[in-house]
Amino acid sequence: MLFWLICSHFICDYPLQSDFIAIGKSPKKSPYNGVPWFWIMAGHSFTHGAGVALVTGSVVLGICETIAHFFIDIAKCMGWTTINTDQLLHLGCKLAWWLALVQ
């Protein structure tokens, strides 16, 4: 399951994240093409949450992922963290969701 959580992360964060999403989810770029950043960030975060919910079978963990992803990505977009820190935090969340289920 941990493998699939990590796969889900990379699928959602790279091939499923278009340039529109990557640019538009930043509060610094708002509004991008007339769409406020928070709607774009919410859509991106819910995509990740859906991936976690599908892999784990837990809507609660999907919601936790959605919230965590939203705030981790804001930190990166604002320049408070680096891409490496961003990715490590996301992978740490996947590890936490997996650990919550295997206990």
C-alpha atoms as a PDB file:
ATOM      1  CA  MET A   1       0.000   0.000   0.000  1.00  0.00           C
ATOM      2  CA  LEU A   2       2.849   2.414   0.765  1.00  0.00           C
ATOM      3  CA  PHE A   3       4.161   1.828  -2.760  1.00  0.00           C
ATOM      4  CA  TRP A   4       0.769   2.769  -4.245  1.00  0.00           C
ATOM      5  CA  LEU A   5       0.484   5.850  -2.032  1.00  0.00           C
ATOM      6  CA  ILE A   6       3.861   7.047  -3.305  1.00  0.00           C
ATOM      7  CA  CYS A   7       2.887   6.235  -6.898  1.00  0.00           C
ATOM      8  CA  SER A   8      -0.357   8.161  -6.439  1.00  0.00           C
ATOM      9  CA  HIS A   9       1.601  11.162  -5.184  1.00  0.00           C
ATOM     10  CA  PHE A  10       3.921  11.280  -8.159  1.00  0.00           C
ATOM     11  CA  ILE A  11       1.085  10.713 -10.647  1.00  0.00           C
ATOM     12  CA  CYS A  12      -0.962  13.548  -9.117  1.00  0.00           C
ATOM     13  CA  ASP A  13       1.990  15.915  -8.660  1.00  0.00           C
ATOM     14  CA  TYR A  14       3.583  15.531 -12.087  1.00  0.00           C
ATOM     15  CA  PRO A  15       1.571  14.168 -15.050  1.00  0.00           C
ATOM     16  CA  LEU A  16      -1.778  15.322 -13.617  1.00  0.00           C
ATOM     17  CA  GLN A  17      -0.499  18.795 -12.686  1.00  0.00           C
ATOM     18  CA  SER A  18      -0.765  20.959 -15.784  1.00  0.00           C
ATOM     19  CA  ASP A  19       1.038  24.261 -16.243  1.00  0.00           C
ATOM     20  CA  PHE A  20      -2.290  25.968 -15.495  1.00  0.00           C
ATOM     21  CA  ILE A  21      -2.373  24.249 -12.092  1.00  0.00           C
ATOM     22  CA  ALA A  22       1.336  24.608 -11.335  1.00  0.00           C
ATOM     23  CA  ILE A  23       1.255  28.360 -11.997  1.00  0.00           C
ATOM     24  CA  GLY A  24      -2.286  29.177 -10.941  1.00  0.00           C
ATOM     25  CA  LYS A  25      -2.217  27.513  -7.500  1.00  0.00           C
ATOM     26  CA  SER A  26       0.224  30.130  -6.243  1.00  0.00           C
ATOM     27  CA  PRO A  27      -1.156  33.004  -4.150  1.00  0.00           C
ATOM     28  CA  LYS A  28       1.514  35.149  -5.835  1.00  0.00           C
ATOM     29  CA  LYS A  29      -0.091  34.600  -9.264  1.00  0.00           C
ATOM     30  CA  SER A  30      -3.709  35.261  -8.297  1.00  0.00           C
ATOM     31  CA  PRO A  31      -5.909  35.460 -10.253  1.00  0.00           C
ATOM     32  CA  TYR A  32      -4.422  33.346 -13.020  1.00  0.00           C
ATOM     33  CA  ASN A  33      -6.495  33.383 -16.201  1.00  0.00           C
ATOM     34  CA  GLY A  34      -9.295  34.881 -14.102  1.00  0.00           C
ATOM     35  CA  VAL A  35      -9.386  31.971 -11.635  1.00  0.00           C
ATOM     36  CA  PRO A  36      -8.462  32.739  -8.003  1.00  0.00           C
ATOM     37  CA  TRP A  37      -5.477  30.711  -6.763  1.00  0.00           C
ATOM     38  CA  PHE A  38      -7.394  29.001  -3.948  1.00  0.00           C
ATOM     39  CA  TRP A  39      -9.781  27.257  -6.373  1.00  0.00           C
ATOM     40  CA  ILE A  40      -6.866  25.929  -8.372  1.00  0.00           C
ATOM     41  CA  MET A  41      -5.029  24.874  -5.205  1.00  0.00           C
ATOM     42  CA  ALA A  42      -8.195  23.226  -3.881  1.00  0.00           C
ATOM     43  CA  GLY A  43      -8.639  21.263  -7.103  1.00  0.00           C
ATOM     44  CA  HIS A  44      -5.021  20.094  -7.015  1.00  0.00           C
ATOM     45  CA  SER A  45      -5.246  19.174  -3.331  1.00  0.00           C
ATOM     46  CA  PHE A  46      -8.503  17.270  -3.759  1.00  0.00           C
ATOM     47  CA  THR A  47      -6.900  15.298  -6.599  1.00  0.00           C
ATOM     48  CA  HIS A  48      -4.244  14.162  -4.122  1.00  0.00           C
ATOM     49  CA  GLY A  49      -6.874  13.450  -1.494  1.00  0.00           C
ATOM     50  CA  ALA A  50      -8.815  11.320  -3.958  1.00  0.00           C
ATOM     51  CA  GLY A  51      -5.663   9.343  -4.708  1.00  0.00           C
ATOM     52  CA  VAL A  52      -5.094   8.629  -1.021  1.00  0.00           C
ATOM     53  CA  ALA A  53      -8.744   7.714  -0.466  1.00  0.00           C
ATOM     54  CA  LEU A  54      -8.721   5.345  -3.437  1.00  0.00           C
ATOM     55  CA  VAL A  55      -5.497   3.630  -2.378  1.00  0.00           C
ATOM     56  CA  THR A  56      -6.341   3.328   1.323  1.00  0.00           C
ATOM     57  CA  GLY A  57     -10.124   2.985   1.142  1.00  0.00           C
ATOM     58  CA  SER A  58     -10.333   5.744   3.778  1.00  0.00           C
ATOM     59  CA  VAL A  59     -12.181   8.974   3.052  1.00  0.00           C
ATOM     60  CA  VAL A  60     -10.883  10.351   6.367  1.00  0.00           C
ATOM     61  CA  LEU A  61      -7.267   9.881   5.225  1.00  0.00           C
ATOM     62  CA  GLY A  62      -8.208  11.383   1.861  1.00  0.00           C
ATOM     63  CA  ILE A  63      -9.484  14.488   3.649  1.00  0.00           C
ATOM     64  CA  CYS A  64      -6.323  14.619   5.781  1.00  0.00           C
ATOM     65  CA  GLU A  65      -4.241  14.428   2.602  1.00  0.00           C
ATOM     66  CA  THR A  66      -6.281  17.174   0.939  1.00  0.00           C
ATOM     67  CA  ILE A  67      -5.710  19.537   3.862  1.00  0.00           C
ATOM     68  CA  ALA A  68      -2.027  18.657   4.284  1.00  0.00           C
ATOM     69  CA  HIS A  69      -1.322  18.970   0.575  1.00  0.00           C
ATOM     70  CA  PHE A  70      -3.020  22.372   0.420  1.00  0.00           C
ATOM     71  CA  PHE A  71      -0.840  23.857   3.158  1.00  0.00           C
ATOM     72  CA  ILE A  72       2.416  22.160   2.121  1.00  0.00           C
ATOM     73  CA  ASP A  73       1.982  23.520  -1.402  1.00  0.00           C
ATOM     74  CA  ILE A  74       1.173  27.018  -0.141  1.00  0.00           C
ATOM     75  CA  ALA A  75       4.462  26.980   1.774  1.00  0.00           C
ATOM     76  CA  LYS A  76       6.316  26.040  -1.407  1.00  0.00           C
ATOM     77  CA  CYS A  77       4.474  28.588  -3.564  1.00  0.00           C
ATOM     78  CA  MET A  78       5.258  31.355  -1.080  1.00  0.00           C
ATOM     79  CA  GLY A  79       8.950  30.428  -1.064  1.00  0.00           C
ATOM     80  CA  TRP A  80       8.927  29.292   2.572  1.00  0.00           C
ATOM     81  CA  THR A  81      10.157  25.825   1.604  1.00  0.00           C
ATOM     82  CA  THR A  82      12.147  24.359  -1.260  1.00  0.00           C
ATOM     83  CA  ILE A  83      10.980  21.771  -3.766  1.00  0.00           C
ATOM     84  CA  ASN A  84      12.999  19.156  -1.869  1.00  0.00           C
ATOM     85  CA  THR A  85      11.347  20.010   1.444  1.00  0.00           C
ATOM     86  CA  ASP A  86       7.955  20.069  -0.290  1.00  0.00           C
ATOM     87  CA  GLN A  87       8.417  16.581  -1.715  1.00  0.00           C
ATOM     88  CA  LEU A  88       9.773  15.166   1.557  1.00  0.00           C
ATOM     89  CA  LEU A  89       6.781  16.565   3.463  1.00  0.00           C
ATOM     90  CA  HIS A  90       4.387  15.021   0.939  1.00  0.00           C
ATOM     91  CA  LEU A  91       6.131  11.652   1.154  1.00  0.00           C
ATOM     92  CA  GLY A  92       6.127  11.941   4.956  1.00  0.00           C
ATOM     93  CA  CYS A  93       2.352  12.316   4.821  1.00  0.00           C
ATOM     94  CA  LYS A  94       2.067   9.139   2.742  1.00  0.00           C
ATOM     95  CA  LEU A  95       4.166   7.329   5.345  1.00  0.00           C
ATOM     96  CA  ALA A  96       1.938   8.701   8.136  1.00  0.00           C
ATOM     97  CA  TRP A  97      -1.273   7.580   6.370  1.00  0.00           C
ATOM     98  CA  TRP A  98       0.209   4.111   5.835  1.00  0.00           C
ATOM     99  CA  LEU A  99       1.350   3.868   9.454  1.00  0.00           C
ATOM    100  CA  ALA A 100      -2.111   4.921  10.641  1.00  0.00           C
ATOM    101  CA  LEU A 101      -3.581   1.961   8.785  1.00  0.00           C
ATOM    102  CA  VAL A 102      -1.060  -0.754   9.635  1.00  0.00           C
ATOM    103  CA  GLN A 103      -1.179  -0.294  13.408  1.00  0.00           C
END
